[in-house]
Amino acid sequence: MIKRTSKQYIQSILTKHKEWSVLDIGCGYSANENANVICDIQDLSNFYKDKSFVKLENKKLPFKDNQFDFVIASHVIEHVEDIEYFIKELERISKRGYIEVPTTLEDNLVFENKK
Protein backbone atom coordinates (compact mmCIF):
# COMPACT_ATOMS: atom_id res chain seq x y z
CA MET A 1 0.00 0.00 0.00
CA ILE A 2 1.27 3.45 -0.86
CA LYS A 3 0.35 6.41 1.30
CA ARG A 4 1.81 9.73 2.30
CA THR A 5 3.40 10.12 5.68
CA SER A 6 6.12 12.10 7.43
CA LYS A 7 9.60 11.32 8.69
CA GLN A 8 8.40 12.12 12.20
CA TYR A 9 5.64 9.51 11.95
CA ILE A 10 8.07 6.89 10.63
CA GLN A 11 10.52 7.73 13.42
CA SER A 12 7.80 7.29 16.04
CA ILE A 13 7.00 3.83 14.63
CA LEU A 14 10.65 2.78 14.60
CA THR A 15 11.18 4.07 18.13
CA LYS A 16 8.25 1.94 19.35
CA HIS A 17 9.67 -1.17 17.63
CA LYS A 18 13.33 -1.29 18.64
CA GLU A 19 13.28 -5.08 18.11
CA TRP A 20 12.72 -4.67 14.35
CA SER A 21 15.42 -5.39 11.82
CA VAL A 22 15.75 -2.10 9.91
CA LEU A 23 17.67 -1.51 6.67
CA ASP A 24 18.62 1.98 5.53
CA ILE A 25 19.65 1.78 1.88
CA GLY A 26 21.56 4.49 0.03
CA CYS A 27 21.73 6.79 3.04
CA GLY A 28 25.35 7.84 2.67
CA TYR A 29 26.58 9.32 5.95
CA SER A 30 23.11 10.01 7.40
CA ALA A 31 21.59 6.65 8.32
CA ASN A 32 18.48 6.51 10.43
CA GLU A 33 19.42 6.00 14.08
CA ASN A 34 17.15 2.92 14.28
CA ALA A 35 18.73 1.17 11.30
CA ASN A 36 20.84 -1.82 12.26
CA VAL A 37 21.85 -2.62 8.66
CA ILE A 38 23.21 -0.05 6.22
CA CYS A 39 23.56 -0.66 2.48
CA ASP A 40 25.21 1.73 0.04
CA ILE A 41 27.21 1.72 -3.19
CA GLN A 42 30.02 3.50 -1.32
CA ASP A 43 32.13 1.52 1.13
CA LEU A 44 31.12 3.17 4.39
CA SER A 45 32.03 0.23 6.60
CA ASN A 46 34.58 2.30 8.56
CA PHE A 47 31.97 5.00 9.20
CA TYR A 48 29.29 2.55 10.40
CA LYS A 49 31.38 0.41 12.73
CA ASP A 50 28.51 -0.07 15.20
CA LYS A 51 26.10 -1.32 12.51
CA SER A 52 26.14 -4.09 9.95
CA PHE A 53 27.28 -2.62 6.62
CA VAL A 54 26.68 -4.17 3.19
CA LYS A 55 28.25 -2.69 0.06
CA LEU A 56 25.83 -2.86 -2.87
CA GLU A 57 27.53 -4.17 -5.98
CA ASN A 58 24.72 -5.67 -8.07
CA LYS A 59 21.23 -4.76 -9.19
CA LYS A 60 19.70 -7.52 -7.06
CA LEU A 61 19.77 -6.57 -3.39
CA PRO A 62 21.95 -9.02 -1.44
CA PHE A 63 19.28 -9.90 1.13
CA LYS A 64 16.82 -12.75 1.73
CA ASP A 65 13.08 -12.48 1.14
CA ASN A 66 11.39 -10.66 4.05
CA GLN A 67 14.72 -10.31 5.84
CA PHE A 68 13.77 -6.89 7.24
CA ASP A 69 10.84 -5.65 9.24
CA PHE A 70 11.35 -2.16 7.77
CA VAL A 71 13.40 -0.60 4.97
CA ILE A 72 14.19 3.09 4.47
CA ALA A 73 15.10 4.48 1.05
CA SER A 74 15.32 8.25 1.42
CA HIS A 75 16.35 10.23 -1.66
CA VAL A 76 17.61 7.10 -3.39
CA ILE A 77 15.04 6.28 -6.03
CA GLU A 78 15.96 9.28 -8.19
CA HIS A 79 19.43 7.71 -8.63
CA VAL A 80 18.14 4.27 -9.63
CA GLU A 81 18.14 3.27 -13.32
CA ASP A 82 15.37 0.66 -13.11
CA ILE A 83 12.87 2.05 -10.59
CA GLU A 84 10.31 -0.72 -11.04
CA TYR A 85 12.92 -3.40 -10.33
CA PHE A 86 14.23 -1.49 -7.31
CA ILE A 87 10.77 -1.17 -5.77
CA LYS A 88 10.11 -4.87 -6.36
CA GLU A 89 13.39 -5.67 -4.62
CA LEU A 90 12.43 -3.49 -1.64
CA GLU A 91 9.09 -5.29 -1.46
CA ARG A 92 10.88 -8.65 -1.64
CA ILE A 93 13.30 -8.01 1.22
CA SER A 94 11.04 -6.13 3.63
CA LYS A 95 7.61 -6.36 5.21
CA ARG A 96 7.12 -2.59 5.22
CA GLY A 97 9.06 0.55 4.47
CA TYR A 98 9.45 4.20 3.71
CA ILE A 99 10.50 5.68 0.38
CA GLU A 100 11.15 9.40 0.27
CA VAL A 101 11.45 11.21 -3.03
CA PRO A 102 12.64 14.77 -3.63
CA THR A 103 10.26 17.58 -4.38
CA THR A 104 10.90 20.73 -6.38
CA LEU A 105 10.12 22.85 -3.33
CA GLU A 106 12.53 20.94 -1.12
CA ASP A 107 15.27 20.96 -3.76
CA ASN A 108 14.97 24.71 -4.15
CA LEU A 109 14.84 25.42 -0.41
CA VAL A 110 17.43 22.94 0.75
CA PHE A 111 19.93 22.53 -2.08
CA GLU A 112 20.24 24.76 -5.12
CA ASN A 113 18.95 28.09 -3.81
CA LYS A 114 19.89 27.94 -0.14
CA LYS A 115 21.74 31.09 0.87
C-alpha atoms as a PDB file:
ATOM      1  CA  MET A   1       0.000   0.000   0.000  1.00  0.00           C
ATOM      2  CA  ILE A   2       1.268   3.453  -0.858  1.00  0.00           C
ATOM      3  CA  LYS A   3       0.350   6.415   1.305  1.00  0.00           C
ATOM      4  CA  ARG A   4       1.808   9.733   2.295  1.00  0.00           C
ATOM      5  CA  THR A   5       3.401  10.118   5.684  1.00  0.00           C
ATOM      6  CA  SER A   6       6.122  12.096   7.427  1.00  0.00           C
ATOM      7  CA  LYS A   7       9.605  11.321   8.686  1.00  0.00           C
ATOM      8  CA  GLN A   8       8.398  12.117  12.196  1.00  0.00           C
ATOM      9  CA  TYR A   9       5.644   9.509  11.952  1.00  0.00           C
ATOM     10  CA  ILE A  10       8.075   6.893  10.633  1.00  0.00           C
ATOM     11  CA  GLN A  11      10.524   7.732  13.418  1.00  0.00           C
ATOM     12  CA  SER A  12       7.798   7.285  16.036  1.00  0.00           C
ATOM     13  CA  ILE A  13       6.997   3.826  14.634  1.00  0.00           C
ATOM     14  CA  LEU A  14      10.647   2.784  14.597  1.00  0.00           C
ATOM     15  CA  THR A  15      11.180   4.074  18.130  1.00  0.00           C
ATOM     16  CA  LYS A  16       8.251   1.943  19.350  1.00  0.00           C
ATOM     17  CA  HIS A  17       9.674  -1.174  17.631  1.00  0.00           C
ATOM     18  CA  LYS A  18      13.332  -1.293  18.639  1.00  0.00           C
ATOM     19  CA  GLU A  19      13.277  -5.083  18.106  1.00  0.00           C
ATOM     20  CA  TRP A  20      12.723  -4.673  14.346  1.00  0.00           C
ATOM     21  CA  SER A  21      15.421  -5.390  11.822  1.00  0.00           C
ATOM     22  CA  VAL A  22      15.746  -2.101   9.913  1.00  0.00           C
ATOM     23  CA  LEU A  23      17.670  -1.510   6.675  1.00  0.00           C
ATOM     24  CA  ASP A  24      18.620   1.983   5.530  1.00  0.00           C
ATOM     25  CA  ILE A  25      19.651   1.784   1.875  1.00  0.00           C
ATOM     26  CA  GLY A  26      21.564   4.494   0.033  1.00  0.00           C
ATOM     27  CA  CYS A  27      21.732   6.789   3.043  1.00  0.00           C
ATOM     28  CA  GLY A  28      25.348   7.840   2.674  1.00  0.00           C
ATOM     29  CA  TYR A  29      26.576   9.323   5.951  1.00  0.00           C
ATOM     30  CA  SER A  30      23.107  10.005   7.396  1.00  0.00           C
ATOM     31  CA  ALA A  31      21.593   6.647   8.322  1.00  0.00           C
ATOM     32  CA  ASN A  32      18.475   6.510  10.428  1.00  0.00           C
ATOM     33  CA  GLU A  33      19.421   5.997  14.078  1.00  0.00           C
ATOM     34  CA  ASN A  34      17.154   2.920  14.279  1.00  0.00           C
ATOM     35  CA  ALA A  35      18.729   1.172  11.297  1.00  0.00           C
ATOM     36  CA  ASN A  36      20.835  -1.816  12.259  1.00  0.00           C
ATOM     37  CA  VAL A  37      21.847  -2.621   8.658  1.00  0.00           C
ATOM     38  CA  ILE A  38      23.215  -0.053   6.223  1.00  0.00           C
ATOM     39  CA  CYS A  39      23.561  -0.661   2.483  1.00  0.00           C
ATOM     40  CA  ASP A  40      25.211   1.731   0.039  1.00  0.00           C
ATOM     41  CA  ILE A  41      27.211   1.723  -3.192  1.00  0.00           C
ATOM     42  CA  GLN A  42      30.024   3.501  -1.324  1.00  0.00           C
ATOM     43  CA  ASP A  43      32.134   1.519   1.125  1.00  0.00           C
ATOM     44  CA  LEU A  44      31.123   3.174   4.390  1.00  0.00           C
ATOM     45  CA  SER A  45      32.034   0.231   6.601  1.00  0.00           C
ATOM     46  CA  ASN A  46      34.582   2.297   8.561  1.00  0.00           C
ATOM     47  CA  PHE A  47      31.972   4.996   9.204  1.00  0.00           C
ATOM     48  CA  TYR A  48      29.285   2.548  10.404  1.00  0.00           C
ATOM     49  CA  LYS A  49      31.384   0.408  12.729  1.00  0.00           C
ATOM     50  CA  ASP A  50      28.511  -0.066  15.197  1.00  0.00           C
ATOM     51  CA  LYS A  51      26.101  -1.321  12.510  1.00  0.00           C
ATOM     52  CA  SER A  52      26.141  -4.091   9.951  1.00  0.00           C
ATOM     53  CA  PHE A  53      27.281  -2.619   6.622  1.00  0.00           C
ATOM     54  CA  VAL A  54      26.684  -4.174   3.189  1.00  0.00           C
ATOM     55  CA  LYS A  55      28.251  -2.692   0.057  1.00  0.00           C
ATOM     56  CA  LEU A  56      25.835  -2.859  -2.868  1.00  0.00           C
ATOM     57  CA  GLU A  57      27.533  -4.168  -5.983  1.00  0.00           C
ATOM     58  CA  ASN A  58      24.725  -5.666  -8.069  1.00  0.00           C
ATOM     59  CA  LYS A  59      21.226  -4.761  -9.189  1.00  0.00           C
ATOM     60  CA  LYS A  60      19.698  -7.523  -7.060  1.00  0.00           C
ATOM     61  CA  LEU A  61      19.767  -6.565  -3.395  1.00  0.00           C
ATOM     62  CA  PRO A  62      21.946  -9.023  -1.436  1.00  0.00           C
ATOM     63  CA  PHE A  63      19.281  -9.899   1.133  1.00  0.00           C
ATOM     64  CA  LYS A  64      16.818 -12.748   1.732  1.00  0.00           C
ATOM     65  CA  ASP A  65      13.081 -12.481   1.137  1.00  0.00           C
ATOM     66  CA  ASN A  66      11.391 -10.660   4.052  1.00  0.00           C
ATOM     67  CA  GLN A  67      14.717 -10.310   5.844  1.00  0.00           C
ATOM     68  CA  PHE A  68      13.772  -6.894   7.242  1.00  0.00           C
ATOM     69  CA  ASP A  69      10.841  -5.646   9.235  1.00  0.00           C
ATOM     70  CA  PHE A  70      11.348  -2.164   7.768  1.00  0.00           C
ATOM     71  CA  VAL A  71      13.396  -0.597   4.973  1.00  0.00           C
ATOM     72  CA  ILE A  72      14.194   3.090   4.475  1.00  0.00           C
ATOM     73  CA  ALA A  73      15.100   4.482   1.049  1.00  0.00           C
ATOM     74  CA  SER A  74      15.316   8.250   1.419  1.00  0.00           C
ATOM     75  CA  HIS A  75      16.345  10.228  -1.660  1.00  0.00           C
ATOM     76  CA  VAL A  76      17.611   7.099  -3.386  1.00  0.00           C
ATOM     77  CA  ILE A  77      15.039   6.279  -6.031  1.00  0.00           C
ATOM     78  CA  GLU A  78      15.964   9.283  -8.187  1.00  0.00           C
ATOM     79  CA  HIS A  79      19.433   7.710  -8.626  1.00  0.00           C
ATOM     80  CA  VAL A  80      18.140   4.269  -9.634  1.00  0.00           C
ATOM     81  CA  GLU A  81      18.135   3.270 -13.319  1.00  0.00           C
ATOM     82  CA  ASP A  82      15.368   0.657 -13.106  1.00  0.00           C
ATOM     83  CA  ILE A  83      12.874   2.050 -10.589  1.00  0.00           C
ATOM     84  CA  GLU A  84      10.308  -0.715 -11.040  1.00  0.00           C
ATOM     85  CA  TYR A  85      12.919  -3.403 -10.327  1.00  0.00           C
ATOM     86  CA  PHE A  86      14.233  -1.489  -7.309  1.00  0.00           C
ATOM     87  CA  ILE A  87      10.768  -1.172  -5.765  1.00  0.00           C
ATOM     88  CA  LYS A  88      10.108  -4.874  -6.355  1.00  0.00           C
ATOM     89  CA  GLU A  89      13.388  -5.665  -4.619  1.00  0.00           C
ATOM     90  CA  LEU A  90      12.429  -3.488  -1.639  1.00  0.00           C
ATOM     91  CA  GLU A  91       9.089  -5.293  -1.459  1.00  0.00           C
ATOM     92  CA  ARG A  92      10.881  -8.649  -1.645  1.00  0.00           C
ATOM     93  CA  ILE A  93      13.301  -8.007   1.219  1.00  0.00           C
ATOM     94  CA  SER A  94      11.039  -6.132   3.629  1.00  0.00           C
ATOM     95  CA  LYS A  95       7.610  -6.363   5.211  1.00  0.00           C
ATOM     96  CA  ARG A  96       7.116  -2.592   5.215  1.00  0.00           C
ATOM     97  CA  GLY A  97       9.063   0.550   4.473  1.00  0.00           C
ATOM     98  CA  TYR A  98       9.450   4.203   3.711  1.00  0.00           C
ATOM     99  CA  ILE A  99      10.496   5.683   0.378  1.00  0.00           C
ATOM    100  CA  GLU A 100      11.150   9.403   0.274  1.00  0.00           C
ATOM    101  CA  VAL A 101      11.454  11.213  -3.031  1.00  0.00           C
ATOM    102  CA  PRO A 102      12.642  14.772  -3.626  1.00  0.00           C
ATOM    103  CA  THR A 103      10.260  17.584  -4.384  1.00  0.00           C
ATOM    104  CA  THR A 104      10.898  20.727  -6.376  1.00  0.00           C
ATOM    105  CA  LEU A 105      10.120  22.853  -3.331  1.00  0.00           C
ATOM    106  CA  GLU A 106      12.529  20.935  -1.115  1.00  0.00           C
ATOM    107  CA  ASP A 107      15.268  20.961  -3.759  1.00  0.00           C
ATOM    108  CA  ASN A 108      14.970  24.712  -4.145  1.00  0.00           C
ATOM    109  CA  LEU A 109      14.843  25.424  -0.413  1.00  0.00           C
ATOM    110  CA  VAL A 110      17.430  22.943   0.745  1.00  0.00           C
ATOM    111  CA  PHE A 111      19.926  22.535  -2.078  1.00  0.00           C
ATOM    112  CA  GLU A 112      20.237  24.765  -5.118  1.00  0.00           C
ATOM    113  CA  ASN A 113      18.954  28.088  -3.808  1.00  0.00           C
ATOM    114  CA  LYS A 114      19.889  27.944  -0.137  1.00  0.00           C
ATOM    115  CA  LYS A 115      21.743  31.094   0.865  1.00  0.00           C
END
